[in-house]
Amino acid sequence: MTEAPEHITPLPSTLVDNGILGRVPSEYVGKAQCLLPDAAVVHDDEIRVEVDAGWLGRVRLTFRKYRYTRPKGKFSAVAWSCRHAESVAPTGQVASAEI
């Protein structure tokens, strides 16, 4: 029996477009996040930062603001979360497409 029973349906796959974020070493993401202004005082919901990410070269990181609340609503805060990364072509060159 290799097929799933009829009453069990597979979960829909969720496609998350985070670019090359999974390949960017976390130390570079963390350093970039530490340089961002306090999320509570910035009006924009999204900030893009370009960093040199070691062997990956120049990378553009996209941070989005998110709000979270503790249970029972006693505490709420705003913070930055890195959601997307993409390669930045060196000046004067066109980015090559990845296959």
N, C-alpha and C. Protein backbone atom coordinates (compact mmCIF):
# COMPACT_ATOMS: atom_id res chain seq x y z
N MET A 1 0.85 -1.17 0.00
CA MET A 1 0.00 0.00 0.00
C MET A 1 0.90 1.23 0.00
N THR A 2 1.06 1.84 -1.17
CA THR A 2 1.93 3.00 -1.29
C THR A 2 1.17 4.31 -1.34
N GLU A 3 -0.14 4.25 -1.51
CA GLU A 3 -0.93 5.47 -1.60
C GLU A 3 -1.56 5.79 -0.26
N ALA A 4 -1.80 7.08 -0.03
CA ALA A 4 -2.45 7.51 1.21
C ALA A 4 -3.93 7.20 1.13
N PRO A 5 -4.55 6.87 2.25
CA PRO A 5 -5.99 6.64 2.24
C PRO A 5 -6.74 7.89 1.74
N GLU A 6 -7.93 7.68 1.22
CA GLU A 6 -8.69 8.78 0.63
C GLU A 6 -9.06 9.86 1.63
N HIS A 7 -9.27 9.50 2.90
CA HIS A 7 -9.70 10.50 3.88
C HIS A 7 -8.54 11.35 4.39
N ILE A 8 -7.30 11.01 4.02
CA ILE A 8 -6.15 11.81 4.43
C ILE A 8 -5.66 12.59 3.22
N THR A 9 -5.68 13.89 3.33
CA THR A 9 -5.21 14.73 2.24
C THR A 9 -3.89 15.36 2.64
N PRO A 10 -2.98 15.44 1.73
CA PRO A 10 -1.69 16.05 2.07
C PRO A 10 -1.85 17.54 2.33
N LEU A 11 -0.99 18.04 3.19
CA LEU A 11 -1.01 19.48 3.47
C LEU A 11 -0.52 20.23 2.25
N PRO A 12 -1.12 21.38 1.98
CA PRO A 12 -0.64 22.15 0.83
C PRO A 12 0.77 22.65 1.12
N SER A 13 1.61 22.58 0.11
CA SER A 13 2.98 23.06 0.32
C SER A 13 2.97 24.58 0.31
N THR A 14 3.70 25.15 1.22
CA THR A 14 3.79 26.60 1.29
C THR A 14 5.11 27.02 0.68
N LEU A 15 5.04 27.81 -0.34
CA LEU A 15 6.22 28.30 -1.02
C LEU A 15 6.64 29.61 -0.38
N VAL A 16 7.80 29.61 0.23
CA VAL A 16 8.31 30.81 0.87
C VAL A 16 9.44 31.33 0.00
N ASP A 17 9.27 32.53 -0.52
CA ASP A 17 10.30 33.12 -1.37
C ASP A 17 11.24 33.94 -0.50
N ASN A 18 12.30 33.28 0.00
CA ASN A 18 13.26 34.01 0.81
C ASN A 18 14.58 34.16 0.08
N GLY A 19 14.59 33.89 -1.22
CA GLY A 19 15.79 34.07 -2.02
C GLY A 19 16.91 33.16 -1.57
N ILE A 20 18.08 33.74 -1.33
CA ILE A 20 19.24 32.95 -0.91
C ILE A 20 19.49 33.07 0.59
N LEU A 21 18.47 33.44 1.34
CA LEU A 21 18.64 33.65 2.78
C LEU A 21 19.19 32.42 3.48
N GLY A 22 18.82 31.25 3.06
CA GLY A 22 19.30 30.02 3.69
C GLY A 22 20.78 29.78 3.49
N ARG A 23 21.39 30.42 2.50
CA ARG A 23 22.82 30.25 2.24
C ARG A 23 23.66 31.34 2.87
N VAL A 24 23.05 32.41 3.35
CA VAL A 24 23.80 33.51 3.97
C VAL A 24 24.16 33.11 5.40
N PRO A 25 25.46 33.12 5.74
CA PRO A 25 25.85 32.77 7.11
C PRO A 25 25.17 33.70 8.13
N SER A 26 24.71 33.12 9.21
CA SER A 26 23.93 33.87 10.20
C SER A 26 24.71 35.00 10.85
N GLU A 27 26.02 34.90 10.89
CA GLU A 27 26.81 35.96 11.51
C GLU A 27 26.65 37.28 10.75
N TYR A 28 26.50 37.22 9.43
CA TYR A 28 26.34 38.43 8.64
C TYR A 28 24.93 39.00 8.79
N VAL A 29 23.96 38.13 8.91
CA VAL A 29 22.58 38.58 9.14
C VAL A 29 22.49 39.25 10.51
N GLY A 30 23.10 38.65 11.51
CA GLY A 30 23.08 39.19 12.86
C GLY A 30 23.78 40.53 12.96
N LYS A 31 24.93 40.66 12.31
CA LYS A 31 25.65 41.94 12.33
C LYS A 31 24.83 43.04 11.66
N ALA A 32 24.19 42.70 10.54
CA ALA A 32 23.36 43.69 9.85
C ALA A 32 22.16 44.09 10.70
N GLN A 33 21.57 43.12 11.40
CA GLN A 33 20.40 43.41 12.22
C GLN A 33 20.77 44.31 13.41
N CYS A 34 21.96 44.14 13.94
CA CYS A 34 22.41 44.98 15.06
C CYS A 34 22.59 46.43 14.65
N LEU A 35 22.85 46.68 13.38
CA LEU A 35 23.07 48.04 12.89
C LEU A 35 21.77 48.78 12.57
N LEU A 36 20.65 48.07 12.56
CA LEU A 36 19.36 48.69 12.22
C LEU A 36 18.87 49.58 13.36
N PRO A 37 18.11 50.61 13.01
CA PRO A 37 17.53 51.45 14.07
C PRO A 37 16.44 50.69 14.83
N ASP A 38 16.05 51.23 15.95
CA ASP A 38 15.00 50.60 16.77
C ASP A 38 13.71 50.51 15.95
N ALA A 39 13.14 49.34 15.89
CA ALA A 39 11.95 49.10 15.06
C ALA A 39 10.74 49.88 15.55
N ALA A 40 10.68 50.20 16.82
CA ALA A 40 9.52 50.91 17.36
C ALA A 40 9.45 52.35 16.88
N VAL A 41 10.58 52.96 16.52
CA VAL A 41 10.56 54.37 16.15
C VAL A 41 10.62 54.61 14.65
N VAL A 42 10.84 53.56 13.86
CA VAL A 42 10.92 53.69 12.41
C VAL A 42 9.53 53.55 11.81
N HIS A 43 9.19 54.44 10.88
CA HIS A 43 7.86 54.41 10.27
C HIS A 43 7.73 53.34 9.19
N ASP A 44 8.82 53.01 8.52
CA ASP A 44 8.78 52.01 7.45
C ASP A 44 8.63 50.61 8.04
N ASP A 45 7.91 49.75 7.31
CA ASP A 45 7.74 48.36 7.74
C ASP A 45 8.81 47.45 7.16
N GLU A 46 9.64 48.00 6.26
CA GLU A 46 10.65 47.18 5.61
C GLU A 46 11.91 48.00 5.37
N ILE A 47 13.07 47.39 5.62
CA ILE A 47 14.36 48.04 5.40
C ILE A 47 15.25 47.07 4.65
N ARG A 48 15.98 47.59 3.66
CA ARG A 48 16.93 46.78 2.91
C ARG A 48 18.35 47.25 3.24
N VAL A 49 19.23 46.28 3.47
CA VAL A 49 20.61 46.56 3.83
C VAL A 49 21.51 45.71 2.95
N GLU A 50 22.59 46.30 2.43
CA GLU A 50 23.56 45.55 1.65
C GLU A 50 24.78 45.30 2.52
N VAL A 51 25.24 44.04 2.55
CA VAL A 51 26.40 43.65 3.34
C VAL A 51 27.31 42.76 2.51
N ASP A 52 28.57 42.69 2.91
CA ASP A 52 29.50 41.76 2.30
C ASP A 52 29.40 40.47 3.10
N ALA A 53 28.93 39.39 2.48
CA ALA A 53 28.65 38.14 3.19
C ALA A 53 29.71 37.08 2.92
N GLY A 54 30.95 37.43 3.06
CA GLY A 54 32.03 36.46 2.92
C GLY A 54 32.09 35.85 1.54
N TRP A 55 32.07 34.53 1.47
CA TRP A 55 32.20 33.81 0.20
C TRP A 55 31.04 34.04 -0.75
N LEU A 56 29.88 34.51 -0.24
CA LEU A 56 28.73 34.79 -1.11
C LEU A 56 28.87 36.11 -1.84
N GLY A 57 29.75 36.96 -1.38
CA GLY A 57 29.90 38.28 -1.98
C GLY A 57 28.91 39.27 -1.40
N ARG A 58 28.56 40.27 -2.17
CA ARG A 58 27.64 41.32 -1.72
C ARG A 58 26.21 40.79 -1.76
N VAL A 59 25.48 40.99 -0.65
CA VAL A 59 24.11 40.48 -0.51
C VAL A 59 23.21 41.59 0.01
N ARG A 60 22.00 41.67 -0.55
CA ARG A 60 21.00 42.62 -0.07
C ARG A 60 20.02 41.87 0.83
N LEU A 61 19.95 42.26 2.10
CA LEU A 61 19.05 41.64 3.07
C LEU A 61 17.83 42.52 3.26
N THR A 62 16.66 41.91 3.29
CA THR A 62 15.41 42.63 3.52
C THR A 62 14.89 42.26 4.90
N PHE A 63 14.79 43.27 5.76
CA PHE A 63 14.25 43.09 7.11
C PHE A 63 12.85 43.66 7.15
N ARG A 64 11.94 42.92 7.76
CA ARG A 64 10.56 43.39 7.93
C ARG A 64 10.25 43.52 9.42
N LYS A 65 9.46 44.50 9.72
CA LYS A 65 9.06 44.75 11.10
C LYS A 65 7.94 43.78 11.47
N TYR A 66 8.02 43.21 12.65
CA TYR A 66 6.91 42.39 13.12
C TYR A 66 6.61 42.74 14.57
N ARG A 67 5.36 42.58 14.92
CA ARG A 67 4.91 42.87 16.28
C ARG A 67 4.53 41.57 16.97
N TYR A 68 4.88 41.46 18.21
CA TYR A 68 4.49 40.27 18.96
C TYR A 68 3.99 40.68 20.32
N THR A 69 3.10 39.87 20.85
CA THR A 69 2.46 40.13 22.14
C THR A 69 2.56 38.90 23.01
N ARG A 70 2.85 39.12 24.25
CA ARG A 70 2.90 38.02 25.22
C ARG A 70 1.47 37.56 25.49
N PRO A 71 1.31 36.36 26.00
CA PRO A 71 -0.04 35.88 26.34
C PRO A 71 -0.78 36.86 27.25
N LYS A 72 -2.05 36.95 27.06
CA LYS A 72 -2.95 37.83 27.81
C LYS A 72 -2.70 39.31 27.52
N GLY A 73 -1.90 39.61 26.51
CA GLY A 73 -1.71 40.99 26.07
C GLY A 73 -1.03 41.90 27.07
N LYS A 74 -0.26 41.35 27.99
CA LYS A 74 0.37 42.19 29.01
C LYS A 74 1.61 42.89 28.49
N PHE A 75 2.19 42.39 27.43
CA PHE A 75 3.42 42.96 26.90
C PHE A 75 3.42 42.84 25.39
N SER A 76 3.77 43.91 24.69
CA SER A 76 3.92 43.83 23.24
C SER A 76 5.20 44.55 22.85
N ALA A 77 5.78 44.11 21.75
CA ALA A 77 7.04 44.69 21.29
C ALA A 77 7.10 44.64 19.77
N VAL A 78 8.04 45.38 19.22
CA VAL A 78 8.26 45.42 17.79
C VAL A 78 9.72 45.08 17.55
N ALA A 79 10.00 44.26 16.54
CA ALA A 79 11.37 43.86 16.24
C ALA A 79 11.54 43.68 14.74
N TRP A 80 12.79 43.55 14.31
CA TRP A 80 13.11 43.29 12.91
C TRP A 80 13.34 41.81 12.69
N SER A 81 12.93 41.32 11.53
CA SER A 81 13.14 39.93 11.15
C SER A 81 13.61 39.90 9.70
N CYS A 82 14.70 39.18 9.44
CA CYS A 82 15.21 39.08 8.07
C CYS A 82 14.34 38.10 7.30
N ARG A 83 13.77 38.55 6.20
CA ARG A 83 12.83 37.74 5.44
C ARG A 83 13.30 37.35 4.05
N HIS A 84 14.30 38.07 3.50
CA HIS A 84 14.69 37.81 2.12
C HIS A 84 16.14 38.24 1.91
N ALA A 85 16.83 37.53 1.05
CA ALA A 85 18.20 37.89 0.68
C ALA A 85 18.38 37.64 -0.81
N GLU A 86 19.15 38.52 -1.44
CA GLU A 86 19.43 38.36 -2.86
C GLU A 86 20.84 38.84 -3.15
N SER A 87 21.46 38.25 -4.16
CA SER A 87 22.80 38.64 -4.56
C SER A 87 22.75 40.02 -5.19
N VAL A 88 23.81 40.77 -4.97
CA VAL A 88 23.95 42.08 -5.59
C VAL A 88 25.11 41.99 -6.56
N ALA A 89 24.86 42.33 -7.82
CA ALA A 89 25.91 42.27 -8.82
C ALA A 89 26.92 43.37 -8.55
N PRO A 90 28.21 43.06 -8.71
CA PRO A 90 29.23 44.11 -8.58
C PRO A 90 28.96 45.22 -9.58
N THR A 91 29.37 46.42 -9.28
CA THR A 91 29.13 47.57 -10.15
C THR A 91 29.72 47.32 -11.54
N GLY A 92 28.90 47.56 -12.55
CA GLY A 92 29.36 47.40 -13.93
C GLY A 92 29.16 46.01 -14.49
N GLN A 93 28.61 45.08 -13.70
CA GLN A 93 28.37 43.72 -14.19
C GLN A 93 26.90 43.38 -14.05
N VAL A 94 26.44 42.48 -14.89
CA VAL A 94 25.06 42.02 -14.82
C VAL A 94 25.04 40.73 -13.99
N ALA A 95 24.03 40.61 -13.11
CA ALA A 95 23.91 39.42 -12.28
C ALA A 95 23.64 38.20 -13.17
N SER A 96 24.32 37.11 -12.90
CA SER A 96 24.09 35.90 -13.69
C SER A 96 22.91 35.12 -13.09
N ALA A 97 22.15 34.50 -13.95
CA ALA A 97 21.00 33.73 -13.50
C ALA A 97 21.48 32.39 -12.97
N GLU A 98 20.91 31.94 -11.88
CA GLU A 98 21.25 30.64 -11.32
C GLU A 98 20.33 29.59 -11.91
N ILE A 99 20.89 28.45 -12.19
CA ILE A 99 20.10 27.36 -12.77
C ILE A 99 19.84 26.32 -11.72
